[in-house]
Amino acid sequence: MPEREEALRSADVVVTVTGAEGVVTAADAPLLRPDAILANAGHFPWEIEAEELVQGGVTVLEGGHMVNLAGPRPLGNSIESMDLGFALQSRCLEAVARGDVGPEACVVPVPRSIDESVAASFVTATA
């Protein structure tokens, strides 16, 4: 059995974080446990076919919208996680502008040297 199917069959909670469309679809409903809970923490609600899955009896939190932006006090991402993301983006742009790497090297994964530099800066700043 493919890893994805095995993971869906055994999961109590499935959280999508990809930003990709159709990560969990109505076709996956038979694979899910009866008490499985689906949540999306990615960028777009289309990661989970929420309406179809709910109609099929699957629990989908916040209708497939980002759970970190739901509830009575939607706080979104922490400032620390945003700092890390923006630091990685700016360092990648800097590396491309300097000609150290091509733009294809800064999508995913981030070049190791940039990843380590940002991580070290963050650990130093929070220590």
C-alpha atoms as a PDB file:
ATOM      1  CA  MET A   1       0.000   0.000   0.000  1.00  0.00           C
ATOM      2  CA  PRO A   2       1.402   3.448  -0.859  1.00  0.00           C
ATOM      3  CA  GLU A   3       2.567   5.568   2.096  1.00  0.00           C
ATOM      4  CA  ARG A   4      -0.114   8.206   1.592  1.00  0.00           C
ATOM      5  CA  GLU A   5      -2.954   5.682   1.695  1.00  0.00           C
ATOM      6  CA  GLU A   6      -1.445   3.968   4.716  1.00  0.00           C
ATOM      7  CA  ALA A   7      -1.119   7.308   6.504  1.00  0.00           C
ATOM      8  CA  LEU A   8      -4.733   8.261   5.774  1.00  0.00           C
ATOM      9  CA  ARG A   9      -6.006   4.867   6.944  1.00  0.00           C
ATOM     10  CA  SER A  10      -4.189   5.069  10.268  1.00  0.00           C
ATOM     11  CA  ALA A  11      -4.516   8.786  11.085  1.00  0.00           C
ATOM     12  CA  ASP A  12      -6.695  10.160  13.849  1.00  0.00           C
ATOM     13  CA  VAL A  13      -5.923  13.709  12.691  1.00  0.00           C
ATOM     14  CA  VAL A  14      -4.800  14.861   9.253  1.00  0.00           C
ATOM     15  CA  VAL A  15      -3.398  18.386   8.914  1.00  0.00           C
ATOM     16  CA  THR A  16      -2.593  19.741   5.468  1.00  0.00           C
ATOM     17  CA  VAL A  17       0.045  22.453   5.149  1.00  0.00           C
ATOM     18  CA  THR A  18       0.990  22.382   1.477  1.00  0.00           C
ATOM     19  CA  GLY A  19      -0.892  25.156  -0.292  1.00  0.00           C
ATOM     20  CA  ALA A  20      -1.593  22.603  -3.032  1.00  0.00           C
ATOM     21  CA  GLU A  21      -5.061  21.898  -4.360  1.00  0.00           C
ATOM     22  CA  GLY A  22      -6.846  18.621  -3.575  1.00  0.00           C
ATOM     23  CA  VAL A  23      -4.471  17.197  -0.985  1.00  0.00           C
ATOM     24  CA  VAL A  24      -7.364  15.312   0.638  1.00  0.00           C
ATOM     25  CA  THR A  25     -10.355  14.763  -1.619  1.00  0.00           C
ATOM     26  CA  ALA A  26     -13.763  13.109  -1.493  1.00  0.00           C
ATOM     27  CA  ALA A  27     -12.142  10.084  -3.145  1.00  0.00           C
ATOM     28  CA  ASP A  28     -10.070   9.681   0.023  1.00  0.00           C
ATOM     29  CA  ALA A  29     -13.142   9.380   2.274  1.00  0.00           C
ATOM     30  CA  PRO A  30     -13.155   5.546   2.239  1.00  0.00           C
ATOM     31  CA  LEU A  31      -9.549   5.557   3.439  1.00  0.00           C
ATOM     32  CA  LEU A  32     -10.256   7.744   6.467  1.00  0.00           C
ATOM     33  CA  ARG A  33     -11.172   6.380   9.866  1.00  0.00           C
ATOM     34  CA  PRO A  34     -14.771   7.107  10.910  1.00  0.00           C
ATOM     35  CA  ASP A  35     -13.575   9.413  13.692  1.00  0.00           C
ATOM     36  CA  ALA A  36     -10.775  11.098  11.720  1.00  0.00           C
ATOM     37  CA  ILE A  37     -10.470  14.867  11.928  1.00  0.00           C
ATOM     38  CA  LEU A  38      -9.153  16.948   9.046  1.00  0.00           C
ATOM     39  CA  ALA A  39      -7.648  20.406   9.412  1.00  0.00           C
ATOM     40  CA  ASN A  40      -5.897  22.788   7.055  1.00  0.00           C
ATOM     41  CA  ALA A  41      -3.020  25.003   8.153  1.00  0.00           C
ATOM     42  CA  GLY A  42      -1.812  25.736   4.634  1.00  0.00           C
ATOM     43  CA  HIS A  43      -2.517  28.869   2.680  1.00  0.00           C
ATOM     44  CA  PHE A  44      -5.687  28.019   0.817  1.00  0.00           C
ATOM     45  CA  PRO A  45      -8.946  26.235   1.663  1.00  0.00           C
ATOM     46  CA  TRP A  46      -8.787  24.119  -1.476  1.00  0.00           C
ATOM     47  CA  GLU A  47      -6.274  21.724   0.106  1.00  0.00           C
ATOM     48  CA  ILE A  48      -9.199  19.752   1.532  1.00  0.00           C
ATOM     49  CA  GLU A  49     -12.421  19.107  -0.407  1.00  0.00           C
ATOM     50  CA  ALA A  50     -14.254  20.085   2.757  1.00  0.00           C
ATOM     51  CA  GLU A  51     -17.829  20.290   1.532  1.00  0.00           C
ATOM     52  CA  GLU A  52     -17.748  16.896  -0.134  1.00  0.00           C
ATOM     53  CA  LEU A  53     -15.987  15.242   2.793  1.00  0.00           C
ATOM     54  CA  VAL A  54     -18.371  16.741   5.360  1.00  0.00           C
ATOM     55  CA  GLN A  55     -21.311  15.453   3.317  1.00  0.00           C
ATOM     56  CA  GLY A  56     -19.653  12.053   3.497  1.00  0.00           C
ATOM     57  CA  GLY A  57     -19.539  12.235   7.294  1.00  0.00           C
ATOM     58  CA  VAL A  58     -15.934  13.310   7.784  1.00  0.00           C
ATOM     59  CA  THR A  59     -15.113  15.971  10.383  1.00  0.00           C
ATOM     60  CA  VAL A  60     -13.374  18.938   8.777  1.00  0.00           C
ATOM     61  CA  LEU A  61     -12.406  21.782  11.090  1.00  0.00           C
ATOM     62  CA  GLU A  62     -13.364  25.319  10.052  1.00  0.00           C
ATOM     63  CA  GLY A  63     -14.725  24.141   6.725  1.00  0.00           C
ATOM     64  CA  GLY A  64     -11.223  23.566   5.417  1.00  0.00           C
ATOM     65  CA  HIS A  65     -10.062  27.122   6.065  1.00  0.00           C
ATOM     66  CA  MET A  66      -6.814  27.707   7.937  1.00  0.00           C
ATOM     67  CA  VAL A  67      -7.287  26.594  11.539  1.00  0.00           C
ATOM     68  CA  ASN A  68      -4.691  29.052  12.806  1.00  0.00           C
ATOM     69  CA  LEU A  69      -6.914  31.875  11.536  1.00  0.00           C
ATOM     70  CA  ALA A  70     -10.119  30.502  13.047  1.00  0.00           C
ATOM     71  CA  GLY A  71     -11.861  30.921  16.358  1.00  0.00           C
ATOM     72  CA  PRO A  72     -12.884  33.879  18.462  1.00  0.00           C
ATOM     73  CA  ARG A  73      -9.376  35.422  18.427  1.00  0.00           C
ATOM     74  CA  PRO A  74      -7.735  34.456  15.140  1.00  0.00           C
ATOM     75  CA  LEU A  75      -4.104  35.224  15.724  1.00  0.00           C
ATOM     76  CA  GLY A  76      -2.584  33.734  12.605  1.00  0.00           C
ATOM     77  CA  ASN A  77       1.078  32.854  12.496  1.00  0.00           C
ATOM     78  CA  SER A  78       3.359  33.923  15.309  1.00  0.00           C
ATOM     79  CA  ILE A  79       5.697  36.829  14.673  1.00  0.00           C
ATOM     80  CA  GLU A  80       8.624  34.442  15.195  1.00  0.00           C
ATOM     81  CA  SER A  81       7.492  32.128  12.401  1.00  0.00           C
ATOM     82  CA  MET A  82       6.883  35.101  10.122  1.00  0.00           C
ATOM     83  CA  ASP A  83      10.361  36.462  10.938  1.00  0.00           C
ATOM     84  CA  LEU A  84      11.924  33.140   9.956  1.00  0.00           C
ATOM     85  CA  GLY A  85       9.964  32.926   6.708  1.00  0.00           C
ATOM     86  CA  PHE A  86      10.759  36.473   5.674  1.00  0.00           C
ATOM     87  CA  ALA A  87      14.426  36.066   6.628  1.00  0.00           C
ATOM     88  CA  LEU A  88      14.693  32.952   4.459  1.00  0.00           C
ATOM     89  CA  GLN A  89      12.987  34.726   1.562  1.00  0.00           C
ATOM     90  CA  SER A  90      15.175  37.814   1.788  1.00  0.00           C
ATOM     91  CA  ARG A  91      18.404  35.795   2.102  1.00  0.00           C
ATOM     92  CA  CYS A  92      17.411  33.735  -0.934  1.00  0.00           C
ATOM     93  CA  LEU A  93      16.690  36.885  -2.952  1.00  0.00           C
ATOM     94  CA  GLU A  94      20.032  38.307  -1.842  1.00  0.00           C
ATOM     95  CA  ALA A  95      21.837  35.139  -2.977  1.00  0.00           C
ATOM     96  CA  VAL A  96      20.137  35.297  -6.381  1.00  0.00           C
ATOM     97  CA  ALA A  97      20.904  39.024  -6.759  1.00  0.00           C
ATOM     98  CA  ARG A  98      24.590  38.413  -5.958  1.00  0.00           C
ATOM     99  CA  GLY A  99      24.738  35.536  -8.424  1.00  0.00           C
ATOM    100  CA  ASP A 100      25.643  33.023  -5.700  1.00  0.00           C
ATOM    101  CA  VAL A 101      22.761  30.770  -6.782  1.00  0.00           C
ATOM    102  CA  GLY A 102      20.191  30.731  -9.547  1.00  0.00           C
ATOM    103  CA  PRO A 103      16.512  31.406  -8.835  1.00  0.00           C
ATOM    104  CA  GLU A 104      15.738  27.685  -9.139  1.00  0.00           C
ATOM    105  CA  ALA A 105      17.889  27.024  -6.050  1.00  0.00           C
ATOM    106  CA  CYS A 106      15.727  29.172  -3.779  1.00  0.00           C
ATOM    107  CA  VAL A 107      12.322  27.574  -4.065  1.00  0.00           C
ATOM    108  CA  VAL A 108      12.291  24.425  -1.927  1.00  0.00           C
ATOM    109  CA  PRO A 109      14.489  23.444  -0.271  1.00  0.00           C
ATOM    110  CA  VAL A 110      16.297  26.627   0.612  1.00  0.00           C
ATOM    111  CA  PRO A 111      20.067  26.279   0.094  1.00  0.00           C
ATOM    112  CA  ARG A 112      21.579  24.717   3.219  1.00  0.00           C
ATOM    113  CA  SER A 113      23.968  27.599   3.872  1.00  0.00           C
ATOM    114  CA  ILE A 114      21.070  30.088   3.954  1.00  0.00           C
ATOM    115  CA  ASP A 115      18.924  27.784   6.084  1.00  0.00           C
ATOM    116  CA  GLU A 116      21.749  27.360   8.612  1.00  0.00           C
ATOM    117  CA  SER A 117      22.577  31.086   8.643  1.00  0.00           C
ATOM    118  CA  VAL A 118      18.984  32.100   9.374  1.00  0.00           C
ATOM    119  CA  ALA A 119      18.590  29.354  11.997  1.00  0.00           C
ATOM    120  CA  ALA A 120      21.795  30.407  13.747  1.00  0.00           C
ATOM    121  CA  SER A 121      20.707  34.065  13.711  1.00  0.00           C
ATOM    122  CA  PHE A 122      17.341  33.176  15.191  1.00  0.00           C
ATOM    123  CA  VAL A 123      18.792  30.970  17.929  1.00  0.00           C
ATOM    124  CA  THR A 124      21.323  33.675  18.826  1.00  0.00           C
ATOM    125  CA  ALA A 125      18.628  36.361  18.881  1.00  0.00           C
ATOM    126  CA  THR A 126      16.335  34.349  21.164  1.00  0.00           C
ATOM    127  CA  ALA A 127      19.019  33.037  23.535  1.00  0.00           C
END
